[in-house]
């Protein structure tokens, strides 16, 4: 989730190469649908605060408790200022991230 600690990270570290962000706005009715992971707007704000070289979205699909889909997340990150460089991983495939 987007919280004050992310702003603190941005103050402590000048250059962030990779930010692994839990996205998809996971929520459960039993927990009153309080979001447990970031939605696209929060991811865009985190991208703005952290200004990482690359964002790697993780844990954002494959389960019914996610309420935002990949295309919604991608649109929000593309619209962030500055536009975020996003590396979407493919499950089961090795990926190299140049930092």
PDB file of N, CA and C in Angstrom:
ATOM      1  N   UNK A   1       0.835  -1.184   0.000  1.00  0.00           N
ATOM      2  CA  UNK A   1       0.000   0.000   0.000  1.00  0.00           C
ATOM      3  C   UNK A   1       0.875   1.241   0.000  1.00  0.00           C
ATOM      4  N   UNK A   2       0.323   2.289  -0.503  1.00  0.00           N
ATOM      5  CA  UNK A   2       1.009   3.572  -0.463  1.00  0.00           C
ATOM      6  C   UNK A   2       0.880   4.108   0.961  1.00  0.00           C
ATOM      7  N   UNK A   3       2.016   4.345   1.604  1.00  0.00           N
ATOM      8  CA  UNK A   3       2.008   4.863   2.972  1.00  0.00           C
ATOM      9  C   UNK A   3       3.251   5.721   3.163  1.00  0.00           C
ATOM     10  N   UNK A   4       3.359   6.386   4.300  1.00  0.00           N
ATOM     11  CA  UNK A   4       4.450   7.317   4.545  1.00  0.00           C
ATOM     12  C   UNK A   4       5.833   6.725   4.385  1.00  0.00           C
ATOM     13  N   UNK A   5       5.967   5.425   4.593  1.00  0.00           N
ATOM     14  CA  UNK A   5       7.263   4.777   4.458  1.00  0.00           C
ATOM     15  C   UNK A   5       7.818   4.868   3.052  1.00  0.00           C
ATOM     16  N   UNK A   6       6.963   4.933   2.057  1.00  0.00           N
ATOM     17  CA  UNK A   6       7.442   5.038   0.675  1.00  0.00           C
ATOM     18  C   UNK A   6       8.073   6.411   0.450  1.00  0.00           C
ATOM     19  N   UNK A   7       7.471   7.428   1.013  1.00  0.00           N
ATOM     20  CA  UNK A   7       8.068   8.759   0.915  1.00  0.00           C
ATOM     21  C   UNK A   7       9.404   8.799   1.660  1.00  0.00           C
ATOM     22  N   UNK A   8       9.490   8.115   2.770  1.00  0.00           N
ATOM     23  CA  UNK A   8      10.734   8.037   3.531  1.00  0.00           C
ATOM     24  C   UNK A   8      11.829   7.345   2.707  1.00  0.00           C
ATOM     25  N   UNK A   9      11.466   6.277   2.018  1.00  0.00           N
ATOM     26  CA  UNK A   9      12.431   5.583   1.146  1.00  0.00           C
ATOM     27  C   UNK A   9      12.955   6.548   0.084  1.00  0.00           C
ATOM     28  N   UNK A  10      12.068   7.335  -0.494  1.00  0.00           N
ATOM     29  CA  UNK A  10      12.488   8.271  -1.543  1.00  0.00           C
ATOM     30  C   UNK A  10      13.427   9.340  -0.998  1.00  0.00           C
ATOM     31  N   UNK A  11      13.277   9.692   0.271  1.00  0.00           N
ATOM     32  CA  UNK A  11      14.190  10.674   0.881  1.00  0.00           C
ATOM     33  C   UNK A  11      15.550  10.051   1.205  1.00  0.00           C
ATOM     34  N   UNK A  12      15.541   8.796   1.623  1.00  0.00           N
ATOM     35  CA  UNK A  12      16.780   8.139   2.051  1.00  0.00           C
ATOM     36  C   UNK A  12      17.663   7.675   0.892  1.00  0.00           C
ATOM     37  N   UNK A  13      17.043   7.328  -0.222  1.00  0.00           N
ATOM     38  CA  UNK A  13      17.794   6.756  -1.343  1.00  0.00           C
ATOM     39  C   UNK A  13      17.617   7.625  -2.580  1.00  0.00           C
ATOM     40  N   UNK A  14      18.733   8.185  -3.053  1.00  0.00           N
ATOM     41  CA  UNK A  14      18.679   9.067  -4.218  1.00  0.00           C
ATOM     42  C   UNK A  14      18.285   8.345  -5.490  1.00  0.00           C
ATOM     43  N   UNK A  15      18.876   7.172  -5.703  1.00  0.00           N
ATOM     44  CA  UNK A  15      18.630   6.432  -6.936  1.00  0.00           C
ATOM     45  C   UNK A  15      18.093   5.050  -6.601  1.00  0.00           C
ATOM     46  N   UNK A  16      16.947   4.758  -7.151  1.00  0.00           N
ATOM     47  CA  UNK A  16      16.341   3.439  -6.974  1.00  0.00           C
ATOM     48  C   UNK A  16      16.301   2.773  -8.341  1.00  0.00           C
ATOM     49  N   UNK A  17      16.941   1.634  -8.435  1.00  0.00           N
ATOM     50  CA  UNK A  17      16.998   0.938  -9.715  1.00  0.00           C
ATOM     51  C   UNK A  17      15.703   0.208 -10.020  1.00  0.00           C
ATOM     52  N   UNK A  18      15.238  -0.615  -9.073  1.00  0.00           N
ATOM     53  CA  UNK A  18      14.055  -1.446  -9.305  1.00  0.00           C
ATOM     54  C   UNK A  18      13.114  -1.334  -8.118  1.00  0.00           C
ATOM     55  N   UNK A  19      11.851  -1.124  -8.411  1.00  0.00           N
ATOM     56  CA  UNK A  19      10.811  -1.128  -7.383  1.00  0.00           C
ATOM     57  C   UNK A  19       9.859  -2.276  -7.674  1.00  0.00           C
ATOM     58  N   UNK A  20       9.764  -3.221  -6.755  1.00  0.00           N
ATOM     59  CA  UNK A  20       8.808  -4.323  -6.867  1.00  0.00           C
ATOM     60  C   UNK A  20       7.530  -3.875  -6.161  1.00  0.00           C
ATOM     61  N   UNK A  21       6.465  -3.710  -6.905  1.00  0.00           N
ATOM     62  CA  UNK A  21       5.214  -3.198  -6.332  1.00  0.00           C
ATOM     63  C   UNK A  21       4.116  -4.245  -6.402  1.00  0.00           C
ATOM     64  N   UNK A  22       3.504  -4.518  -5.268  1.00  0.00           N
ATOM     65  CA  UNK A  22       2.327  -5.390  -5.208  1.00  0.00           C
ATOM     66  C   UNK A  22       1.130  -4.574  -5.673  1.00  0.00           C
ATOM     67  N   UNK A  23       0.522  -4.990  -6.759  1.00  0.00           N
ATOM     68  CA  UNK A  23      -0.561  -4.211  -7.369  1.00  0.00           C
ATOM     69  C   UNK A  23      -1.846  -5.034  -7.454  1.00  0.00           C
ATOM     70  N   UNK A  24      -2.826  -4.505  -8.167  1.00  0.00           N
ATOM     71  CA  UNK A  24      -4.062  -5.216  -8.431  1.00  0.00           C
ATOM     72  C   UNK A  24      -5.217  -4.902  -7.504  1.00  0.00           C
ATOM     73  N   UNK A  25      -4.966  -4.089  -6.474  1.00  0.00           N
ATOM     74  CA  UNK A  25      -5.988  -3.740  -5.486  1.00  0.00           C
ATOM     75  C   UNK A  25      -6.686  -5.011  -4.967  1.00  0.00           C
ATOM     76  N   UNK A  26      -5.903  -5.844  -4.287  1.00  0.00           N
ATOM     77  CA  UNK A  26      -6.469  -7.051  -3.675  1.00  0.00           C
ATOM     78  C   UNK A  26      -7.387  -6.647  -2.530  1.00  0.00           C
ATOM     79  N   UNK A  27      -8.550  -7.287  -2.477  1.00  0.00           N
ATOM     80  CA  UNK A  27      -9.509  -6.993  -1.402  1.00  0.00           C
ATOM     81  C   UNK A  27     -10.387  -8.215  -1.161  1.00  0.00           C
ATOM     82  N   UNK A  28     -10.880  -8.316   0.051  1.00  0.00           N
ATOM     83  CA  UNK A  28     -11.720  -9.447   0.453  1.00  0.00           C
ATOM     84  C   UNK A  28     -12.972  -8.938   1.153  1.00  0.00           C
ATOM     85  N   UNK A  29     -14.150  -9.473   0.792  1.00  0.00           N
ATOM     86  CA  UNK A  29     -15.382  -9.057   1.466  1.00  0.00           C
ATOM     87  C   UNK A  29     -15.317  -9.261   2.984  1.00  0.00           C
ATOM     88  N   UNK A  30     -14.689 -10.347   3.430  1.00  0.00           N
ATOM     89  CA  UNK A  30     -14.624 -10.620   4.858  1.00  0.00           C
ATOM     90  C   UNK A  30     -13.826  -9.539   5.607  1.00  0.00           C
ATOM     91  N   UNK A  31     -12.976  -8.824   4.865  1.00  0.00           N
ATOM     92  CA  UNK A  31     -12.194  -7.718   5.440  1.00  0.00           C
ATOM     93  C   UNK A  31     -12.762  -6.376   4.991  1.00  0.00           C
ATOM     94  N   UNK A  32     -14.058  -6.366   4.662  1.00  0.00           N
ATOM     95  CA  UNK A  32     -14.791  -5.156   4.281  1.00  0.00           C
ATOM     96  C   UNK A  32     -14.227  -4.491   3.036  1.00  0.00           C
ATOM     97  N   UNK A  33     -13.618  -5.305   2.163  1.00  0.00           N
ATOM     98  CA  UNK A  33     -13.053  -4.829   0.901  1.00  0.00           C
ATOM     99  C   UNK A  33     -12.055  -3.683   1.061  1.00  0.00           C
ATOM    100  N   UNK A  34     -11.381  -3.670   2.182  1.00  0.00           N
ATOM    101  CA  UNK A  34     -10.287  -2.711   2.376  1.00  0.00           C
ATOM    102  C   UNK A  34      -9.140  -3.165   1.473  1.00  0.00           C
ATOM    103  N   UNK A  35      -8.602  -2.283   0.632  1.00  0.00           N
ATOM    104  CA  UNK A  35      -7.533  -2.707  -0.275  1.00  0.00           C
ATOM    105  C   UNK A  35      -6.279  -3.127   0.489  1.00  0.00           C
ATOM    106  N   UNK A  36      -5.703  -4.241   0.046  1.00  0.00           N
ATOM    107  CA  UNK A  36      -4.505  -4.782   0.680  1.00  0.00           C
ATOM    108  C   UNK A  36      -3.254  -4.562  -0.161  1.00  0.00           C
ATOM    109  N   UNK A  37      -3.442  -4.256  -1.441  1.00  0.00           N
ATOM    110  CA  UNK A  37      -2.320  -3.932  -2.323  1.00  0.00           C
ATOM    111  C   UNK A  37      -2.677  -2.671  -3.107  1.00  0.00           C
ATOM    112  N   UNK A  38      -1.691  -2.094  -3.757  1.00  0.00           N
ATOM    113  CA  UNK A  38      -1.892  -0.832  -4.475  1.00  0.00           C
ATOM    114  C   UNK A  38      -2.803  -0.989  -5.685  1.00  0.00           C
ATOM    115  N   UNK A  39      -3.535   0.071  -5.960  1.00  0.00           N
ATOM    116  CA  UNK A  39      -4.255   0.173  -7.225  1.00  0.00           C
ATOM    117  C   UNK A  39      -3.386   0.988  -8.186  1.00  0.00           C
ATOM    118  N   UNK A  40      -3.885   1.225  -9.375  1.00  0.00           N
ATOM    119  CA  UNK A  40      -3.101   1.942 -10.376  1.00  0.00           C
ATOM    120  C   UNK A  40      -2.740   3.356  -9.962  1.00  0.00           C
ATOM    121  N   UNK A  41      -3.668   4.072  -9.342  1.00  0.00           N
ATOM    122  CA  UNK A  41      -3.393   5.445  -8.911  1.00  0.00           C
ATOM    123  C   UNK A  41      -2.299   5.475  -7.850  1.00  0.00           C
ATOM    124  N   UNK A  42      -2.343   4.530  -6.919  1.00  0.00           N
ATOM    125  CA  UNK A  42      -1.306   4.469  -5.892  1.00  0.00           C
ATOM    126  C   UNK A  42       0.038   4.076  -6.503  1.00  0.00           C
ATOM    127  N   UNK A  43       0.020   3.178  -7.466  1.00  0.00           N
ATOM    128  CA  UNK A  43       1.259   2.783  -8.140  1.00  0.00           C
ATOM    129  C   UNK A  43       1.871   3.972  -8.872  1.00  0.00           C
ATOM    130  N   UNK A  44       1.031   4.783  -9.513  1.00  0.00           N
ATOM    131  CA  UNK A  44       1.525   5.972 -10.203  1.00  0.00           C
ATOM    132  C   UNK A  44       2.141   6.953  -9.214  1.00  0.00           C
ATOM    133  N   UNK A  45       1.520   7.116  -8.062  1.00  0.00           N
ATOM    134  CA  UNK A  45       2.053   8.004  -7.023  1.00  0.00           C
ATOM    135  C   UNK A  45       3.378   7.449  -6.483  1.00  0.00           C
ATOM    136  N   UNK A  46       3.443   6.135  -6.254  1.00  0.00           N
ATOM    137  CA  UNK A  46       4.688   5.512  -5.793  1.00  0.00           C
ATOM    138  C   UNK A  46       5.783   5.701  -6.835  1.00  0.00           C
ATOM    139  N   UNK A  47       5.434   5.574  -8.113  1.00  0.00           N
ATOM    140  CA  UNK A  47       6.405   5.783  -9.190  1.00  0.00           C
ATOM    141  C   UNK A  47       6.928   7.214  -9.167  1.00  0.00           C
ATOM    142  N   UNK A  48       6.041   8.146  -8.920  1.00  0.00           N
ATOM    143  CA  UNK A  48       6.437   9.555  -8.863  1.00  0.00           C
ATOM    144  C   UNK A  48       7.361   9.800  -7.661  1.00  0.00           C
ATOM    145  N   UNK A  49       7.025   9.242  -6.515  1.00  0.00           N
ATOM    146  CA  UNK A  49       7.833   9.441  -5.312  1.00  0.00           C
ATOM    147  C   UNK A  49       9.198   8.770  -5.413  1.00  0.00           C
ATOM    148  N   UNK A  50       9.212   7.518  -5.856  1.00  0.00           N
ATOM    149  CA  UNK A  50      10.443   6.739  -5.875  1.00  0.00           C
ATOM    150  C   UNK A  50      11.309   7.012  -7.097  1.00  0.00           C
ATOM    151  N   UNK A  51      10.669   7.332  -8.212  1.00  0.00           N
ATOM    152  CA  UNK A  51      11.342   7.549  -9.488  1.00  0.00           C
ATOM    153  C   UNK A  51      12.356   6.437  -9.787  1.00  0.00           C
ATOM    154  N   UNK A  52      11.900   5.180  -9.732  1.00  0.00           N
ATOM    155  CA  UNK A  52      12.832   4.082  -9.999  1.00  0.00           C
ATOM    156  C   UNK A  52      13.141   3.985 -11.487  1.00  0.00           C
ATOM    157  N   UNK A  53      14.264   3.369 -11.790  1.00  0.00           N
ATOM    158  CA  UNK A  53      14.598   3.134 -13.195  1.00  0.00           C
ATOM    159  C   UNK A  53      13.575   2.184 -13.810  1.00  0.00           C
ATOM    160  N   UNK A  54      13.168   1.161 -13.039  1.00  0.00           N
ATOM    161  CA  UNK A  54      12.216   0.174 -13.529  1.00  0.00           C
ATOM    162  C   UNK A  54      11.246  -0.211 -12.413  1.00  0.00           C
ATOM    163  N   UNK A  55       9.988  -0.351 -12.763  1.00  0.00           N
ATOM    164  CA  UNK A  55       8.980  -0.890 -11.846  1.00  0.00           C
ATOM    165  C   UNK A  55       8.649  -2.297 -12.317  1.00  0.00           C
ATOM    166  N   UNK A  56       8.644  -3.229 -11.376  1.00  0.00           N
ATOM    167  CA  UNK A  56       8.240  -4.600 -11.670  1.00  0.00           C
ATOM    168  C   UNK A  56       6.970  -4.884 -10.873  1.00  0.00           C
ATOM    169  N   UNK A  57       5.813  -4.905 -11.540  1.00  0.00           N
ATOM    170  CA  UNK A  57       4.574  -5.252 -10.847  1.00  0.00           C
ATOM    171  C   UNK A  57       4.588  -6.732 -10.465  1.00  0.00           C
ATOM    172  N   UNK A  58       4.205  -7.016  -9.244  1.00  0.00           N
ATOM    173  CA  UNK A  58       4.131  -8.402  -8.792  1.00  0.00           C
ATOM    174  C   UNK A  58       2.804  -8.631  -8.089  1.00  0.00           C
ATOM    175  N   UNK A  59       2.379  -9.886  -8.087  1.00  0.00           N
ATOM    176  CA  UNK A  59       1.185 -10.320  -7.364  1.00  0.00           C
ATOM    177  C   UNK A  59      -0.021  -9.437  -7.713  1.00  0.00           C
ATOM    178  N   UNK A  60      -0.351  -9.360  -8.991  1.00  0.00           N
ATOM    179  CA  UNK A  60      -1.447  -8.484  -9.419  1.00  0.00           C
ATOM    180  C   UNK A  60      -2.544  -9.210 -10.192  1.00  0.00           C
ATOM    181  N   UNK A  61      -2.373 -10.500 -10.479  1.00  0.00           N
ATOM    182  CA  UNK A  61      -3.429 -11.200 -11.213  1.00  0.00           C
ATOM    183  C   UNK A  61      -3.427 -12.684 -10.869  1.00  0.00           C
ATOM    184  N   UNK A  62      -4.430 -13.359 -11.391  1.00  0.00           N
ATOM    185  CA  UNK A  62      -4.506 -14.801 -11.197  1.00  0.00           C
ATOM    186  C   UNK A  62      -5.437 -15.238 -10.078  1.00  0.00           C
ATOM    187  N   UNK A  63      -5.989 -14.303  -9.343  1.00  0.00           N
ATOM    188  CA  UNK A  63      -6.900 -14.637  -8.245  1.00  0.00           C
ATOM    189  C   UNK A  63      -8.116 -13.715  -8.322  1.00  0.00           C
ATOM    190  N   UNK A  64      -9.215 -14.163  -7.761  1.00  0.00           N
ATOM    191  CA  UNK A  64     -10.442 -13.358  -7.819  1.00  0.00           C
ATOM    192  C   UNK A  64     -10.427 -12.169  -6.874  1.00  0.00           C
ATOM    193  N   UNK A  65      -9.493 -12.112  -5.944  1.00  0.00           N
ATOM    194  CA  UNK A  65      -9.489 -10.988  -5.002  1.00  0.00           C
ATOM    195  C   UNK A  65      -8.835  -9.727  -5.573  1.00  0.00           C
ATOM    196  N   UNK A  66      -8.369  -9.775  -6.809  1.00  0.00           N
ATOM    197  CA  UNK A  66      -7.839  -8.571  -7.445  1.00  0.00           C
ATOM    198  C   UNK A  66      -8.972  -7.833  -8.146  1.00  0.00           C
ATOM    199  N   UNK A  67      -9.079  -6.529  -7.904  1.00  0.00           N
ATOM    200  CA  UNK A  67     -10.172  -5.769  -8.504  1.00  0.00           C
ATOM    201  C   UNK A  67      -9.710  -4.838  -9.625  1.00  0.00           C
ATOM    202  N   UNK A  68      -8.407  -4.761  -9.877  1.00  0.00           N
ATOM    203  CA  UNK A  68      -7.907  -4.015 -11.031  1.00  0.00           C
ATOM    204  C   UNK A  68      -7.103  -4.955 -11.911  1.00  0.00           C
ATOM    205  N   UNK A  69      -7.335  -4.854 -13.198  1.00  0.00           N
ATOM    206  CA  UNK A  69      -6.667  -5.732 -14.152  1.00  0.00           C
ATOM    207  C   UNK A  69      -5.381  -5.094 -14.679  1.00  0.00           C
ATOM    208  N   UNK A  70      -4.570  -5.909 -15.320  1.00  0.00           N
ATOM    209  CA  UNK A  70      -3.277  -5.472 -15.832  1.00  0.00           C
ATOM    210  C   UNK A  70      -3.402  -4.238 -16.714  1.00  0.00           C
ATOM    211  N   UNK A  71      -4.389  -4.211 -17.615  1.00  0.00           N
ATOM    212  CA  UNK A  71      -4.499  -3.070 -18.527  1.00  0.00           C
ATOM    213  C   UNK A  71      -4.806  -1.776 -17.774  1.00  0.00           C
ATOM    214  N   UNK A  72      -5.577  -1.848 -16.698  1.00  0.00           N
ATOM    215  CA  UNK A  72      -5.861  -0.660 -15.889  1.00  0.00           C
ATOM    216  C   UNK A  72      -4.585  -0.184 -15.185  1.00  0.00           C
ATOM    217  N   UNK A  73      -3.834  -1.124 -14.665  1.00  0.00           N
ATOM    218  CA  UNK A  73      -2.583  -0.790 -13.990  1.00  0.00           C
ATOM    219  C   UNK A  73      -1.586  -0.199 -14.977  1.00  0.00           C
ATOM    220  N   UNK A  74      -1.481  -0.813 -16.147  1.00  0.00           N
ATOM    221  CA  UNK A  74      -0.557  -0.329 -17.175  1.00  0.00           C
ATOM    222  C   UNK A  74      -0.912   1.087 -17.605  1.00  0.00           C
ATOM    223  N   UNK A  75      -2.199   1.366 -17.779  1.00  0.00           N
ATOM    224  CA  UNK A  75      -2.630   2.715 -18.160  1.00  0.00           C
ATOM    225  C   UNK A  75      -2.254   3.741 -17.104  1.00  0.00           C
ATOM    226  N   UNK A  76      -2.446   3.398 -15.844  1.00  0.00           N
ATOM    227  CA  UNK A  76      -2.116   4.325 -14.756  1.00  0.00           C
ATOM    228  C   UNK A  76      -0.615   4.586 -14.695  1.00  0.00           C
ATOM    229  N   UNK A  77       0.189   3.543 -14.866  1.00  0.00           N
ATOM    230  CA  UNK A  77       1.639   3.713 -14.814  1.00  0.00           C
ATOM    231  C   UNK A  77       2.166   4.471 -16.030  1.00  0.00           C
ATOM    232  N   UNK A  78       1.553   4.258 -17.177  1.00  0.00           N
ATOM    233  CA  UNK A  78       1.956   4.987 -18.381  1.00  0.00           C
ATOM    234  C   UNK A  78       1.636   6.463 -18.242  1.00  0.00           C
ATOM    235  N   UNK A  79       0.534   6.774 -17.554  1.00  0.00           N
ATOM    236  CA  UNK A  79       0.111   8.162 -17.377  1.00  0.00           C
ATOM    237  C   UNK A  79       0.853   8.858 -16.244  1.00  0.00           C
ATOM    238  N   UNK A  80       1.627   8.121 -15.451  1.00  0.00           N
ATOM    239  CA  UNK A  80       2.345   8.743 -14.325  1.00  0.00           C
ATOM    240  C   UNK A  80       3.381   9.732 -14.847  1.00  0.00           C
ATOM    241  N   UNK A  81       3.724  10.677 -14.014  1.00  0.00           N
ATOM    242  CA  UNK A  81       4.714  11.689 -14.385  1.00  0.00           C
ATOM    243  C   UNK A  81       5.913  11.610 -13.469  1.00  0.00           C
ATOM    244  N   UNK A  82       7.090  11.322 -13.953  1.00  0.00           N
ATOM    245  CA  UNK A  82       7.372  10.949 -15.340  1.00  0.00           C
ATOM    246  C   UNK A  82       6.818   9.559 -15.631  1.00  0.00           C
ATOM    247  N   UNK A  83       6.567   9.233 -16.905  1.00  0.00           N
ATOM    248  CA  UNK A  83       6.045   7.905 -17.233  1.00  0.00           C
ATOM    249  C   UNK A  83       6.980   6.812 -16.706  1.00  0.00           C
ATOM    250  N   UNK A  84       6.411   5.835 -16.067  1.00  0.00           N
ATOM    251  CA  UNK A  84       7.202   4.772 -15.458  1.00  0.00           C
ATOM    252  C   UNK A  84       7.637   3.756 -16.510  1.00  0.00           C
ATOM    253  N   UNK A  85       8.871   3.267 -16.363  1.00  0.00           N
ATOM    254  CA  UNK A  85       9.346   2.152 -17.181  1.00  0.00           C
ATOM    255  C   UNK A  85       8.952   0.891 -16.427  1.00  0.00           C
ATOM    256  N   UNK A  86       8.102   0.102 -17.042  1.00  0.00           N
ATOM    257  CA  UNK A  86       7.521  -1.057 -16.358  1.00  0.00           C
ATOM    258  C   UNK A  86       7.992  -2.336 -17.038  1.00  0.00           C
ATOM    259  N   UNK A  87       8.397  -3.293 -16.228  1.00  0.00           N
ATOM    260  CA  UNK A  87       8.789  -4.609 -16.718  1.00  0.00           C
ATOM    261  C   UNK A  87       7.743  -5.608 -16.228  1.00  0.00           C
ATOM    262  N   UNK A  88       6.872  -6.030 -17.138  1.00  0.00           N
ATOM    263  CA  UNK A  88       5.842  -7.016 -16.808  1.00  0.00           C
ATOM    264  C   UNK A  88       6.452  -8.407 -16.958  1.00  0.00           C
ATOM    265  N   UNK A  89       6.472  -9.158 -15.901  1.00  0.00           N
ATOM    266  CA  UNK A  89       7.047 -10.496 -15.926  1.00  0.00           C
ATOM    267  C   UNK A  89       6.047 -11.512 -16.455  1.00  0.00           C
ATOM    268  N   UNK A  90       6.557 -12.563 -17.061  1.00  0.00           N
ATOM    269  CA  UNK A  90       5.740 -13.677 -17.519  1.00  0.00           C
ATOM    270  C   UNK A  90       6.004 -14.840 -16.585  1.00  0.00           C
ATOM    271  N   UNK A  91       4.964 -15.341 -15.911  1.00  0.00           N
ATOM    272  CA  UNK A  91       5.186 -16.458 -14.968  1.00  0.00           C
ATOM    273  C   UNK A  91       5.902 -17.622 -15.627  1.00  0.00           C
ATOM    274  N   UNK A  92       6.883 -18.157 -14.912  1.00  0.00           N
ATOM    275  CA  UNK A  92       7.615 -19.311 -15.399  1.00  0.00           C
ATOM    276  C   UNK A  92       8.746 -19.017 -16.363  1.00  0.00           C
ATOM    277  N   UNK A  93       8.951 -17.738 -16.711  1.00  0.00           N
ATOM    278  CA  UNK A  93      10.022 -17.384 -17.641  1.00  0.00           C
ATOM    279  C   UNK A  93      11.069 -16.530 -16.932  1.00  0.00           C
ATOM    280  N   UNK A  94      12.340 -16.826 -17.226  1.00  0.00           N
ATOM    281  CA  UNK A  94      13.442 -16.027 -16.702  1.00  0.00           C
ATOM    282  C   UNK A  94      13.424 -14.665 -17.381  1.00  0.00           C
ATOM    283  N   UNK A  95      13.742 -13.645 -16.613  1.00  0.00           N
ATOM    284  CA  UNK A  95      13.806 -12.288 -17.152  1.00  0.00           C
ATOM    285  C   UNK A  95      15.041 -11.607 -16.592  1.00  0.00           C
ATOM    286  N   UNK A  96      15.711 -10.876 -17.429  1.00  0.00           N
ATOM    287  CA  UNK A  96      16.852 -10.096 -16.966  1.00  0.00           C
ATOM    288  C   UNK A  96      16.457  -8.640 -16.924  1.00  0.00           C
ATOM    289  N   UNK A  97      16.706  -8.010 -15.814  1.00  0.00           N
ATOM    290  CA  UNK A  97      16.411  -6.597 -15.655  1.00  0.00           C
ATOM    291  C   UNK A  97      17.731  -5.846 -15.582  1.00  0.00           C
ATOM    292  N   UNK A  98      17.986  -5.000 -16.518  1.00  0.00           N
ATOM    293  CA  UNK A  98      19.216  -4.221 -16.528  1.00  0.00           C
ATOM    294  C   UNK A  98      19.018  -3.007 -15.639  1.00  0.00           C
ATOM    295  N   UNK A  99      19.881  -2.890 -14.638  1.00  0.00           N
ATOM    296  CA  UNK A  99      19.760  -1.759 -13.697  1.00  0.00           C
ATOM    297  C   UNK A  99      20.910  -0.815 -13.804  1.00  0.00           C
TER     298      UNK A  99
END
